[in-house]
Amino acid sequence: MVAEKRSKYSNKKCEVDGIRFDSRAEARRWSQLLAMQERGDICALERQVVYVLAPGVVINGRKVPPLRYVADFVYERGDETLIEDVKGVITPEYRIKRHLMALKGLSIVEIK
């Protein structure tokens, strides 16, 4: 019998309506956003939207892939586009990506 691997940040992956989420908090937020979209409060709801922060490069003869940020949710409310990330722990890697997103003029709404 193989023991289930423990998550680094104590989150539990779950599934809602056939969609897999990295945490229960993310699944809960998805349900809230779906309800908001049904009411007409928001539109164009998407999940796992990829933003390329820096293109791929060659370093010392080796290809390095593009640096990407994957937003949990992106949607429109009125005239603005909102980018959301459900966060339990703010990691050093996330801080760098948040900074690079800000340099592109994009801010991330962090949901705890």
PDB file of N, CA and C in Angstrom:
ATOM      1  N   MET A   1       0.841  -1.184   0.000  1.00  0.00           N
ATOM      2  CA  MET A   1       0.000   0.000   0.000  1.00  0.00           C
ATOM      3  C   MET A   1       0.887   1.249   0.000  1.00  0.00           C
ATOM      4  N   VAL A   2       0.572   2.200  -0.858  1.00  0.00           N
ATOM      5  CA  VAL A   2       1.350   3.423  -0.969  1.00  0.00           C
ATOM      6  C   VAL A   2       0.648   4.520  -0.183  1.00  0.00           C
ATOM      7  N   ALA A   3       1.393   5.175   0.690  1.00  0.00           N
ATOM      8  CA  ALA A   3       0.824   6.268   1.476  1.00  0.00           C
ATOM      9  C   ALA A   3       0.651   7.490   0.580  1.00  0.00           C
ATOM     10  N   GLU A   4      -0.419   8.233   0.809  1.00  0.00           N
ATOM     11  CA  GLU A   4      -0.674   9.443   0.039  1.00  0.00           C
ATOM     12  C   GLU A   4       0.359  10.490   0.418  1.00  0.00           C
ATOM     13  N   LYS A   5       0.960  11.130  -0.592  1.00  0.00           N
ATOM     14  CA  LYS A   5       1.984  12.129  -0.356  1.00  0.00           C
ATOM     15  C   LYS A   5       1.371  13.351   0.316  1.00  0.00           C
ATOM     16  N   ARG A   6       2.014  13.811   1.364  1.00  0.00           N
ATOM     17  CA  ARG A   6       1.517  14.975   2.092  1.00  0.00           C
ATOM     18  C   ARG A   6       1.881  16.245   1.327  1.00  0.00           C
ATOM     19  N   SER A   7       0.949  17.162   1.246  1.00  0.00           N
ATOM     20  CA  SER A   7       1.160  18.415   0.541  1.00  0.00           C
ATOM     21  C   SER A   7       2.133  19.304   1.316  1.00  0.00           C
ATOM     22  N   LYS A   8       2.957  20.019   0.578  1.00  0.00           N
ATOM     23  CA  LYS A   8       3.952  20.908   1.181  1.00  0.00           C
ATOM     24  C   LYS A   8       3.289  22.003   2.016  1.00  0.00           C
ATOM     25  N   TYR A   9       2.136  22.494   1.568  1.00  0.00           N
ATOM     26  CA  TYR A   9       1.465  23.596   2.253  1.00  0.00           C
ATOM     27  C   TYR A   9       0.167  23.162   2.926  1.00  0.00           C
ATOM     28  N   SER A  10      -0.010  21.883   3.158  1.00  0.00           N
ATOM     29  CA  SER A  10      -1.170  21.307   3.854  1.00  0.00           C
ATOM     30  C   SER A  10      -2.495  21.516   3.129  1.00  0.00           C
ATOM     31  N   ASN A  11      -2.454  21.800   1.832  1.00  0.00           N
ATOM     32  CA  ASN A  11      -3.710  21.914   1.089  1.00  0.00           C
ATOM     33  C   ASN A  11      -4.153  20.526   0.643  1.00  0.00           C
ATOM     34  N   LYS A  12      -5.448  20.366   0.455  1.00  0.00           N
ATOM     35  CA  LYS A  12      -5.993  19.091   0.003  1.00  0.00           C
ATOM     36  C   LYS A  12      -6.623  19.296  -1.370  1.00  0.00           C
ATOM     37  N   LYS A  13      -6.106  18.565  -2.355  1.00  0.00           N
ATOM     38  CA  LYS A  13      -6.687  18.639  -3.698  1.00  0.00           C
ATOM     39  C   LYS A  13      -8.111  18.096  -3.636  1.00  0.00           C
ATOM     40  N   CYS A  14      -8.990  18.682  -4.432  1.00  0.00           N
ATOM     41  CA  CYS A  14     -10.373  18.214  -4.440  1.00  0.00           C
ATOM     42  C   CYS A  14     -10.959  18.397  -5.836  1.00  0.00           C
ATOM     43  N   GLU A  15     -12.144  17.852  -6.009  1.00  0.00           N
ATOM     44  CA  GLU A  15     -12.815  17.903  -7.304  1.00  0.00           C
ATOM     45  C   GLU A  15     -14.244  18.392  -7.103  1.00  0.00           C
ATOM     46  N   VAL A  16     -14.651  19.339  -7.950  1.00  0.00           N
ATOM     47  CA  VAL A  16     -16.014  19.870  -7.926  1.00  0.00           C
ATOM     48  C   VAL A  16     -16.515  19.879  -9.364  1.00  0.00           C
ATOM     49  N   ASP A  17     -17.640  19.237  -9.603  1.00  0.00           N
ATOM     50  CA  ASP A  17     -18.240  19.179 -10.947  1.00  0.00           C
ATOM     51  C   ASP A  17     -17.240  18.681 -11.996  1.00  0.00           C
ATOM     52  N   GLY A  18     -16.410  17.719 -11.614  1.00  0.00           N
ATOM     53  CA  GLY A  18     -15.445  17.147 -12.542  1.00  0.00           C
ATOM     54  C   GLY A  18     -14.209  17.993 -12.774  1.00  0.00           C
ATOM     55  N   ILE A  19     -14.071  19.094 -12.047  1.00  0.00           N
ATOM     56  CA  ILE A  19     -12.909  19.978 -12.187  1.00  0.00           C
ATOM     57  C   ILE A  19     -12.018  19.787 -10.962  1.00  0.00           C
ATOM     58  N   ARG A  20     -10.725  19.526 -11.199  1.00  0.00           N
ATOM     59  CA  ARG A  20      -9.785  19.338 -10.093  1.00  0.00           C
ATOM     60  C   ARG A  20      -9.204  20.681  -9.655  1.00  0.00           C
ATOM     61  N   PHE A  21      -9.147  20.874  -8.350  1.00  0.00           N
ATOM     62  CA  PHE A  21      -8.595  22.095  -7.767  1.00  0.00           C
ATOM     63  C   PHE A  21      -7.448  21.744  -6.837  1.00  0.00           C
ATOM     64  N   ASP A  22      -6.508  22.677  -6.686  1.00  0.00           N
ATOM     65  CA  ASP A  22      -5.348  22.447  -5.828  1.00  0.00           C
ATOM     66  C   ASP A  22      -5.682  22.525  -4.346  1.00  0.00           C
ATOM     67  N   SER A  23      -6.806  23.153  -4.005  1.00  0.00           N
ATOM     68  CA  SER A  23      -7.182  23.262  -2.594  1.00  0.00           C
ATOM     69  C   SER A  23      -8.698  23.401  -2.464  1.00  0.00           C
ATOM     70  N   ARG A  24      -9.176  23.152  -1.265  1.00  0.00           N
ATOM     71  CA  ARG A  24     -10.610  23.340  -1.002  1.00  0.00           C
ATOM     72  C   ARG A  24     -10.974  24.812  -1.103  1.00  0.00           C
ATOM     73  N   ALA A  25     -10.059  25.693  -0.681  1.00  0.00           N
ATOM     74  CA  ALA A  25     -10.321  27.135  -0.762  1.00  0.00           C
ATOM     75  C   ALA A  25     -10.500  27.573  -2.217  1.00  0.00           C
ATOM     76  N   GLU A  26      -9.680  27.022  -3.108  1.00  0.00           N
ATOM     77  CA  GLU A  26      -9.796  27.358  -4.529  1.00  0.00           C
ATOM     78  C   GLU A  26     -11.122  26.849  -5.097  1.00  0.00           C
ATOM     79  N   ALA A  27     -11.527  25.652  -4.711  1.00  0.00           N
ATOM     80  CA  ALA A  27     -12.806  25.092  -5.167  1.00  0.00           C
ATOM     81  C   ALA A  27     -13.972  25.934  -4.650  1.00  0.00           C
ATOM     82  N   ARG A  28     -13.875  26.361  -3.398  1.00  0.00           N
ATOM     83  CA  ARG A  28     -14.924  27.188  -2.791  1.00  0.00           C
ATOM     84  C   ARG A  28     -15.036  28.524  -3.533  1.00  0.00           C
ATOM     85  N   ARG A  29     -13.880  29.129  -3.855  1.00  0.00           N
ATOM     86  CA  ARG A  29     -13.887  30.408  -4.564  1.00  0.00           C
ATOM     87  C   ARG A  29     -14.482  30.246  -5.966  1.00  0.00           C
ATOM     88  N   TRP A  30     -14.175  29.130  -6.632  1.00  0.00           N
ATOM     89  CA  TRP A  30     -14.740  28.845  -7.956  1.00  0.00           C
ATOM     90  C   TRP A  30     -16.263  28.825  -7.876  1.00  0.00           C
ATOM     91  N   SER A  31     -16.800  28.165  -6.858  1.00  0.00           N
ATOM     92  CA  SER A  31     -18.260  28.097  -6.691  1.00  0.00           C
ATOM     93  C   SER A  31     -18.846  29.485  -6.475  1.00  0.00           C
ATOM     94  N   GLN A  32     -18.153  30.316  -5.678  1.00  0.00           N
ATOM     95  CA  GLN A  32     -18.620  31.685  -5.445  1.00  0.00           C
ATOM     96  C   GLN A  32     -18.618  32.488  -6.746  1.00  0.00           C
ATOM     97  N   LEU A  33     -17.543  32.355  -7.514  1.00  0.00           N
ATOM     98  CA  LEU A  33     -17.444  33.099  -8.774  1.00  0.00           C
ATOM     99  C   LEU A  33     -18.490  32.639  -9.787  1.00  0.00           C
ATOM    100  N   LEU A  34     -18.763  31.333  -9.826  1.00  0.00           N
ATOM    101  CA  LEU A  34     -19.819  30.834 -10.717  1.00  0.00           C
ATOM    102  C   LEU A  34     -21.166  31.448 -10.356  1.00  0.00           C
ATOM    103  N   ALA A  35     -21.460  31.526  -9.052  1.00  0.00           N
ATOM    104  CA  ALA A  35     -22.719  32.129  -8.598  1.00  0.00           C
ATOM    105  C   ALA A  35     -22.766  33.604  -8.989  1.00  0.00           C
ATOM    106  N   MET A  36     -21.643  34.304  -8.845  1.00  0.00           N
ATOM    107  CA  MET A  36     -21.580  35.717  -9.226  1.00  0.00           C
ATOM    108  C   MET A  36     -21.812  35.886 -10.731  1.00  0.00           C
ATOM    109  N   GLN A  37     -21.279  34.962 -11.520  1.00  0.00           N
ATOM    110  CA  GLN A  37     -21.466  35.026 -12.973  1.00  0.00           C
ATOM    111  C   GLN A  37     -22.927  34.755 -13.340  1.00  0.00           C
ATOM    112  N   GLU A  38     -23.550  33.801 -12.658  1.00  0.00           N
ATOM    113  CA  GLU A  38     -24.965  33.501 -12.922  1.00  0.00           C
ATOM    114  C   GLU A  38     -25.857  34.687 -12.584  1.00  0.00           C
ATOM    115  N   ARG A  39     -25.499  35.455 -11.537  1.00  0.00           N
ATOM    116  CA  ARG A  39     -26.262  36.646 -11.155  1.00  0.00           C
ATOM    117  C   ARG A  39     -25.994  37.822 -12.084  1.00  0.00           C
ATOM    118  N   GLY A  40     -24.942  37.720 -12.888  1.00  0.00           N
ATOM    119  CA  GLY A  40     -24.598  38.815 -13.789  1.00  0.00           C
ATOM    120  C   GLY A  40     -23.643  39.827 -13.184  1.00  0.00           C
ATOM    121  N   ASP A  41     -23.087  39.524 -12.001  1.00  0.00           N
ATOM    122  CA  ASP A  41     -22.145  40.443 -11.354  1.00  0.00           C
ATOM    123  C   ASP A  41     -20.804  40.475 -12.086  1.00  0.00           C
ATOM    124  N   ILE A  42     -20.418  39.341 -12.662  1.00  0.00           N
ATOM    125  CA  ILE A  42     -19.166  39.231 -13.408  1.00  0.00           C
ATOM    126  C   ILE A  42     -19.439  38.468 -14.702  1.00  0.00           C
ATOM    127  N   CYS A  43     -18.470  38.498 -15.628  1.00  0.00           N
ATOM    128  CA  CYS A  43     -18.603  37.708 -16.859  1.00  0.00           C
ATOM    129  C   CYS A  43     -17.221  37.251 -17.316  1.00  0.00           C
ATOM    130  N   ALA A  44     -17.194  36.409 -18.332  1.00  0.00           N
ATOM    131  CA  ALA A  44     -15.956  35.904 -18.942  1.00  0.00           C
ATOM    132  C   ALA A  44     -15.048  35.219 -17.924  1.00  0.00           C
ATOM    133  N   LEU A  45     -15.646  34.440 -17.030  1.00  0.00           N
ATOM    134  CA  LEU A  45     -14.883  33.733 -15.996  1.00  0.00           C
ATOM    135  C   LEU A  45     -14.043  32.623 -16.619  1.00  0.00           C
ATOM    136  N   GLU A  46     -12.751  32.633 -16.310  1.00  0.00           N
ATOM    137  CA  GLU A  46     -11.822  31.601 -16.777  1.00  0.00           C
ATOM    138  C   GLU A  46     -10.981  31.141 -15.597  1.00  0.00           C
ATOM    139  N   ARG A  47     -10.436  29.925 -15.711  1.00  0.00           N
ATOM    140  CA  ARG A  47      -9.526  29.437 -14.673  1.00  0.00           C
ATOM    141  C   ARG A  47      -8.229  28.977 -15.308  1.00  0.00           C
ATOM    142  N   GLN A  48      -7.162  29.012 -14.507  1.00  0.00           N
ATOM    143  CA  GLN A  48      -5.826  28.570 -14.933  1.00  0.00           C
ATOM    144  C   GLN A  48      -5.368  29.300 -16.201  1.00  0.00           C
ATOM    145  N   VAL A  49      -5.422  30.622 -16.152  1.00  0.00           N
ATOM    146  CA  VAL A  49      -5.017  31.464 -17.280  1.00  0.00           C
ATOM    147  C   VAL A  49      -3.506  31.708 -17.200  1.00  0.00           C
ATOM    148  N   VAL A  50      -2.816  31.461 -18.308  1.00  0.00           N
ATOM    149  CA  VAL A  50      -1.352  31.562 -18.342  1.00  0.00           C
ATOM    150  C   VAL A  50      -0.918  32.945 -18.839  1.00  0.00           C
ATOM    151  N   TYR A  51       0.008  33.567 -18.097  1.00  0.00           N
ATOM    152  CA  TYR A  51       0.644  34.820 -18.492  1.00  0.00           C
ATOM    153  C   TYR A  51       2.137  34.542 -18.650  1.00  0.00           C
ATOM    154  N   VAL A  52       2.714  34.902 -19.792  1.00  0.00           N
ATOM    155  CA  VAL A  52       4.153  34.738 -19.995  1.00  0.00           C
ATOM    156  C   VAL A  52       4.833  35.998 -19.465  1.00  0.00           C
ATOM    157  N   LEU A  53       5.673  35.817 -18.446  1.00  0.00           N
ATOM    158  CA  LEU A  53       6.344  36.944 -17.800  1.00  0.00           C
ATOM    159  C   LEU A  53       7.667  37.283 -18.477  1.00  0.00           C
ATOM    160  N   ALA A  54       8.330  36.269 -19.003  1.00  0.00           N
ATOM    161  CA  ALA A  54       9.593  36.467 -19.720  1.00  0.00           C
ATOM    162  C   ALA A  54       9.712  35.345 -20.746  1.00  0.00           C
ATOM    163  N   PRO A  55      10.183  35.674 -21.940  1.00  0.00           N
ATOM    164  CA  PRO A  55      10.289  34.635 -22.974  1.00  0.00           C
ATOM    165  C   PRO A  55      11.390  33.629 -22.644  1.00  0.00           C
ATOM    166  N   GLY A  56      11.342  32.503 -23.330  1.00  0.00           N
ATOM    167  CA  GLY A  56      12.396  31.507 -23.178  1.00  0.00           C
ATOM    168  C   GLY A  56      13.724  32.066 -23.676  1.00  0.00           C
ATOM    169  N   VAL A  57      14.816  31.591 -23.101  1.00  0.00           N
ATOM    170  CA  VAL A  57      16.148  32.060 -23.480  1.00  0.00           C
ATOM    171  C   VAL A  57      17.099  30.874 -23.559  1.00  0.00           C
ATOM    172  N   VAL A  58      18.285  31.138 -24.084  1.00  0.00           N
ATOM    173  CA  VAL A  58      19.350  30.136 -24.088  1.00  0.00           C
ATOM    174  C   VAL A  58      20.429  30.636 -23.133  1.00  0.00           C
ATOM    175  N   ILE A  59      20.744  29.831 -22.128  1.00  0.00           N
ATOM    176  CA  ILE A  59      21.775  30.168 -21.145  1.00  0.00           C
ATOM    177  C   ILE A  59      22.819  29.061 -21.173  1.00  0.00           C
ATOM    178  N   ASN A  60      24.065  29.436 -21.438  1.00  0.00           N
ATOM    179  CA  ASN A  60      25.163  28.466 -21.530  1.00  0.00           C
ATOM    180  C   ASN A  60      24.830  27.324 -22.486  1.00  0.00           C
ATOM    181  N   GLY A  61      24.200  27.664 -23.604  1.00  0.00           N
ATOM    182  CA  GLY A  61      23.880  26.656 -24.605  1.00  0.00           C
ATOM    183  C   GLY A  61      22.663  25.798 -24.299  1.00  0.00           C
ATOM    184  N   ARG A  62      21.995  26.062 -23.197  1.00  0.00           N
ATOM    185  CA  ARG A  62      20.809  25.276 -22.826  1.00  0.00           C
ATOM    186  C   ARG A  62      19.564  26.147 -22.915  1.00  0.00           C
ATOM    187  N   LYS A  63      18.516  25.563 -23.481  1.00  0.00           N
ATOM    188  CA  LYS A  63      17.243  26.285 -23.573  1.00  0.00           C
ATOM    189  C   LYS A  63      16.569  26.323 -22.209  1.00  0.00           C
ATOM    190  N   VAL A  64      16.142  27.506 -21.836  1.00  0.00           N
ATOM    191  CA  VAL A  64      15.382  27.688 -20.603  1.00  0.00           C
ATOM    192  C   VAL A  64      13.982  28.112 -21.027  1.00  0.00           C
ATOM    193  N   PRO A  65      12.948  27.425 -20.549  1.00  0.00           N
ATOM    194  CA  PRO A  65      11.587  27.750 -20.996  1.00  0.00           C
ATOM    195  C   PRO A  65      11.140  29.127 -20.507  1.00  0.00           C
ATOM    196  N   PRO A  66      10.079  29.646 -21.093  1.00  0.00           N
ATOM    197  CA  PRO A  66       9.553  30.940 -20.653  1.00  0.00           C
ATOM    198  C   PRO A  66       9.156  30.897 -19.178  1.00  0.00           C
ATOM    199  N   LEU A  67       9.262  32.040 -18.519  1.00  0.00           N
ATOM    200  CA  LEU A  67       8.808  32.171 -17.136  1.00  0.00           C
ATOM    201  C   LEU A  67       7.331  32.513 -17.194  1.00  0.00           C
ATOM    202  N   ARG A  68       6.504  31.673 -16.566  1.00  0.00           N
ATOM    203  CA  ARG A  68       5.054  31.841 -16.658  1.00  0.00           C
ATOM    204  C   ARG A  68       4.427  32.002 -15.280  1.00  0.00           C
ATOM    205  N   TYR A  69       3.329  32.721 -15.255  1.00  0.00           N
ATOM    206  CA  TYR A  69       2.480  32.797 -14.066  1.00  0.00           C
ATOM    207  C   TYR A  69       1.122  32.250 -14.483  1.00  0.00           C
ATOM    208  N   VAL A  70       0.563  31.345 -13.687  1.00  0.00           N
ATOM    209  CA  VAL A  70      -0.755  30.782 -13.977  1.00  0.00           C
ATOM    210  C   VAL A  70      -1.732  31.311 -12.929  1.00  0.00           C
ATOM    211  N   ALA A  71      -2.652  32.160 -13.376  1.00  0.00           N
ATOM    212  CA  ALA A  71      -3.652  32.739 -12.478  1.00  0.00           C
ATOM    213  C   ALA A  71      -4.734  31.705 -12.191  1.00  0.00           C
ATOM    214  N   ASP A  72      -5.194  31.656 -10.948  1.00  0.00           N
ATOM    215  CA  ASP A  72      -6.283  30.739 -10.612  1.00  0.00           C
ATOM    216  C   ASP A  72      -7.542  31.113 -11.382  1.00  0.00           C
ATOM    217  N   PHE A  73      -7.909  32.405 -11.333  1.00  0.00           N
ATOM    218  CA  PHE A  73      -9.142  32.861 -11.978  1.00  0.00           C
ATOM    219  C   PHE A  73      -8.934  34.227 -12.620  1.00  0.00           C
ATOM    220  N   VAL A  74      -9.583  34.434 -13.755  1.00  0.00           N
ATOM    221  CA  VAL A  74      -9.608  35.732 -14.420  1.00  0.00           C
ATOM    222  C   VAL A  74     -11.047  35.968 -14.859  1.00  0.00           C
ATOM    223  N   TYR A  75     -11.548  37.173 -14.604  1.00  0.00           N
ATOM    224  CA  TYR A  75     -12.918  37.500 -15.003  1.00  0.00           C
ATOM    225  C   TYR A  75     -13.052  38.999 -15.190  1.00  0.00           C
ATOM    226  N   GLU A  76     -14.161  39.383 -15.772  1.00  0.00           N
ATOM    227  CA  GLU A  76     -14.441  40.799 -15.999  1.00  0.00           C
ATOM    228  C   GLU A  76     -15.572  41.246 -15.091  1.00  0.00           C
ATOM    229  N   ARG A  77     -15.373  42.423 -14.502  1.00  0.00           N
ATOM    230  CA  ARG A  77     -16.423  43.060 -13.700  1.00  0.00           C
ATOM    231  C   ARG A  77     -16.510  44.493 -14.183  1.00  0.00           C
ATOM    232  N   GLY A  78     -17.585  44.784 -14.872  1.00  0.00           N
ATOM    233  CA  GLY A  78     -17.704  46.101 -15.493  1.00  0.00           C
ATOM    234  C   GLY A  78     -16.660  46.244 -16.587  1.00  0.00           C
ATOM    235  N   ASP A  79     -15.886  47.326 -16.506  1.00  0.00           N
ATOM    236  CA  ASP A  79     -14.853  47.580 -17.511  1.00  0.00           C
ATOM    237  C   ASP A  79     -13.485  47.030 -17.125  1.00  0.00           C
ATOM    238  N   GLU A  80     -13.372  46.415 -15.949  1.00  0.00           N
ATOM    239  CA  GLU A  80     -12.046  45.953 -15.529  1.00  0.00           C
ATOM    240  C   GLU A  80     -11.921  44.438 -15.549  1.00  0.00           C
ATOM    241  N   THR A  81     -10.716  43.989 -15.847  1.00  0.00           N
ATOM    242  CA  THR A  81     -10.389  42.567 -15.813  1.00  0.00           C
ATOM    243  C   THR A  81      -9.669  42.293 -14.505  1.00  0.00           C
ATOM    244  N   LEU A  82     -10.167  41.323 -13.755  1.00  0.00           N
ATOM    245  CA  LEU A  82      -9.575  40.981 -12.465  1.00  0.00           C
ATOM    246  C   LEU A  82      -8.856  39.646 -12.556  1.00  0.00           C
ATOM    247  N   ILE A  83      -7.683  39.596 -11.951  1.00  0.00           N
ATOM    248  CA  ILE A  83      -6.867  38.387 -11.882  1.00  0.00           C
ATOM    249  C   ILE A  83      -6.821  37.984 -10.416  1.00  0.00           C
ATOM    250  N   GLU A  84      -7.251  36.763 -10.128  1.00  0.00           N
ATOM    251  CA  GLU A  84      -7.289  36.298  -8.736  1.00  0.00           C
ATOM    252  C   GLU A  84      -6.393  35.092  -8.534  1.00  0.00           C
ATOM    253  N   ASP A  85      -5.801  35.036  -7.352  1.00  0.00           N
ATOM    254  CA  ASP A  85      -5.019  33.876  -6.943  1.00  0.00           C
ATOM    255  C   ASP A  85      -5.418  33.541  -5.517  1.00  0.00           C
ATOM    256  N   VAL A  86      -5.824  32.305  -5.289  1.00  0.00           N
ATOM    257  CA  VAL A  86      -6.182  31.850  -3.945  1.00  0.00           C
ATOM    258  C   VAL A  86      -4.882  31.437  -3.275  1.00  0.00           C
ATOM    259  N   LYS A  87      -4.527  32.115  -2.196  1.00  0.00           N
ATOM    260  CA  LYS A  87      -3.241  31.893  -1.543  1.00  0.00           C
ATOM    261  C   LYS A  87      -3.417  31.530  -0.080  1.00  0.00           C
ATOM    262  N   GLY A  88      -2.753  30.473   0.318  1.00  0.00           N
ATOM    263  CA  GLY A  88      -2.644  30.138   1.730  1.00  0.00           C
ATOM    264  C   GLY A  88      -1.304  30.629   2.232  1.00  0.00           C
ATOM    265  N   VAL A  89      -0.263  30.391   1.409  1.00  0.00           N
ATOM    266  CA  VAL A  89       1.106  30.764   1.747  1.00  0.00           C
ATOM    267  C   VAL A  89       1.676  31.590   0.597  1.00  0.00           C
ATOM    268  N   ILE A  90       2.250  32.739   0.931  1.00  0.00           N
ATOM    269  CA  ILE A  90       2.910  33.575  -0.068  1.00  0.00           C
ATOM    270  C   ILE A  90       4.364  33.104  -0.155  1.00  0.00           C
ATOM    271  N   THR A  91       4.707  32.444  -1.249  1.00  0.00           N
ATOM    272  CA  THR A  91       6.056  31.892  -1.412  1.00  0.00           C
ATOM    273  C   THR A  91       6.985  32.929  -2.047  1.00  0.00           C
ATOM    274  N   PRO A  92       8.297  32.773  -1.873  1.00  0.00           N
ATOM    275  CA  PRO A  92       9.241  33.686  -2.539  1.00  0.00           C
ATOM    276  C   PRO A  92       9.067  33.683  -4.064  1.00  0.00           C
ATOM    277  N   GLU A  93       8.800  32.523  -4.651  1.00  0.00           N
ATOM    278  CA  GLU A  93       8.584  32.438  -6.101  1.00  0.00           C
ATOM    279  C   GLU A  93       7.352  33.251  -6.511  1.00  0.00           C
ATOM    280  N   TYR A  94       6.279  33.157  -5.721  1.00  0.00           N
ATOM    281  CA  TYR A  94       5.070  33.915  -6.032  1.00  0.00           C
ATOM    282  C   TYR A  94       5.339  35.416  -5.926  1.00  0.00           C
ATOM    283  N   ARG A  95       6.112  35.842  -4.928  1.00  0.00           N
ATOM    284  CA  ARG A  95       6.418  37.275  -4.770  1.00  0.00           C
ATOM    285  C   ARG A  95       7.110  37.826  -6.015  1.00  0.00           C
ATOM    286  N   ILE A  96       8.040  37.050  -6.564  1.00  0.00           N
ATOM    287  CA  ILE A  96       8.742  37.477  -7.780  1.00  0.00           C
ATOM    288  C   ILE A  96       7.761  37.570  -8.945  1.00  0.00           C
ATOM    289  N   LYS A  97       6.908  36.571  -9.099  1.00  0.00           N
ATOM    290  CA  LYS A  97       5.946  36.578 -10.201  1.00  0.00           C
ATOM    291  C   LYS A  97       4.936  37.713 -10.048  1.00  0.00           C
ATOM    292  N   ARG A  98       4.518  37.988  -8.815  1.00  0.00           N
ATOM    293  CA  ARG A  98       3.603  39.107  -8.565  1.00  0.00           C
ATOM    294  C   ARG A  98       4.268  40.423  -8.966  1.00  0.00           C
ATOM    295  N   HIS A  99       5.546  40.557  -8.638  1.00  0.00           N
ATOM    296  CA  HIS A  99       6.310  41.751  -8.989  1.00  0.00           C
ATOM    297  C   HIS A  99       6.406  41.904 -10.514  1.00  0.00           C
ATOM    298  N   LEU A 100       6.710  40.814 -11.208  1.00  0.00           N
ATOM    299  CA  LEU A 100       6.812  40.853 -12.671  1.00  0.00           C
ATOM    300  C   LEU A 100       5.461  41.155 -13.320  1.00  0.00           C
ATOM    301  N   MET A 101       4.383  40.651 -12.738  1.00  0.00           N
ATOM    302  CA  MET A 101       3.040  40.978 -13.247  1.00  0.00           C
ATOM    303  C   MET A 101       2.787  42.475 -13.082  1.00  0.00           C
ATOM    304  N   ALA A 102       3.183  43.034 -11.932  1.00  0.00           N
ATOM    305  CA  ALA A 102       2.992  44.463 -11.679  1.00  0.00           C
ATOM    306  C   ALA A 102       3.778  45.303 -12.688  1.00  0.00           C
ATOM    307  N   LEU A 103       4.967  44.848 -13.063  1.00  0.00           N
ATOM    308  CA  LEU A 103       5.749  45.564 -14.078  1.00  0.00           C
ATOM    309  C   LEU A 103       5.027  45.601 -15.419  1.00  0.00           C
ATOM    310  N   LYS A 104       4.188  44.611 -15.679  1.00  0.00           N
ATOM    311  CA  LYS A 104       3.385  44.573 -16.906  1.00  0.00           C
ATOM    312  C   LYS A 104       2.079  45.359 -16.744  1.00  0.00           C
ATOM    313  N   GLY A 105       1.894  45.972 -15.566  1.00  0.00           N
ATOM    314  CA  GLY A 105       0.686  46.746 -15.313  1.00  0.00           C
ATOM    315  C   GLY A 105      -0.500  45.903 -14.882  1.00  0.00           C
ATOM    316  N   LEU A 106      -0.229  44.666 -14.445  1.00  0.00           N
ATOM    317  CA  LEU A 106      -1.294  43.752 -14.027  1.00  0.00           C
ATOM    318  C   LEU A 106      -1.185  43.484 -12.534  1.00  0.00           C
ATOM    319  N   SER A 107      -2.274  43.696 -11.821  1.00  0.00           N
ATOM    320  CA  SER A 107      -2.257  43.411 -10.385  1.00  0.00           C
ATOM    321  C   SER A 107      -3.073  42.153 -10.107  1.00  0.00           C
ATOM    322  N   ILE A 108      -2.673  41.460  -9.060  1.00  0.00           N
ATOM    323  CA  ILE A 108      -3.311  40.201  -8.682  1.00  0.00           C
ATOM    324  C   ILE A 108      -4.078  40.421  -7.389  1.00  0.00           C
ATOM    325  N   VAL A 109      -5.333  40.007  -7.380  1.00  0.00           N
ATOM    326  CA  VAL A 109      -6.140  40.037  -6.161  1.00  0.00           C
ATOM    327  C   VAL A 109      -5.890  38.715  -5.448  1.00  0.00           C
ATOM    328  N   GLU A 110      -5.371  38.801  -4.221  1.00  0.00           N
ATOM    329  CA  GLU A 110      -5.069  37.588  -3.460  1.00  0.00           C
ATOM    330  C   GLU A 110      -6.236  37.261  -2.541  1.00  0.00           C
ATOM    331  N   ILE A 111      -6.729  36.045  -2.654  1.00  0.00           N
ATOM    332  CA  ILE A 111      -7.842  35.570  -1.841  1.00  0.00           C
ATOM    333  C   ILE A 111      -7.267  34.633  -0.791  1.00  0.00           C
ATOM    334  N   LYS A 112      -7.542  34.916   0.459  1.00  0.00           N
ATOM    335  CA  LYS A 112      -7.027  34.072   1.562  1.00  0.00           C
ATOM    336  C   LYS A 112      -8.020  33.002   1.917  1.00  0.00           C
TER     337      LYS A 112
END
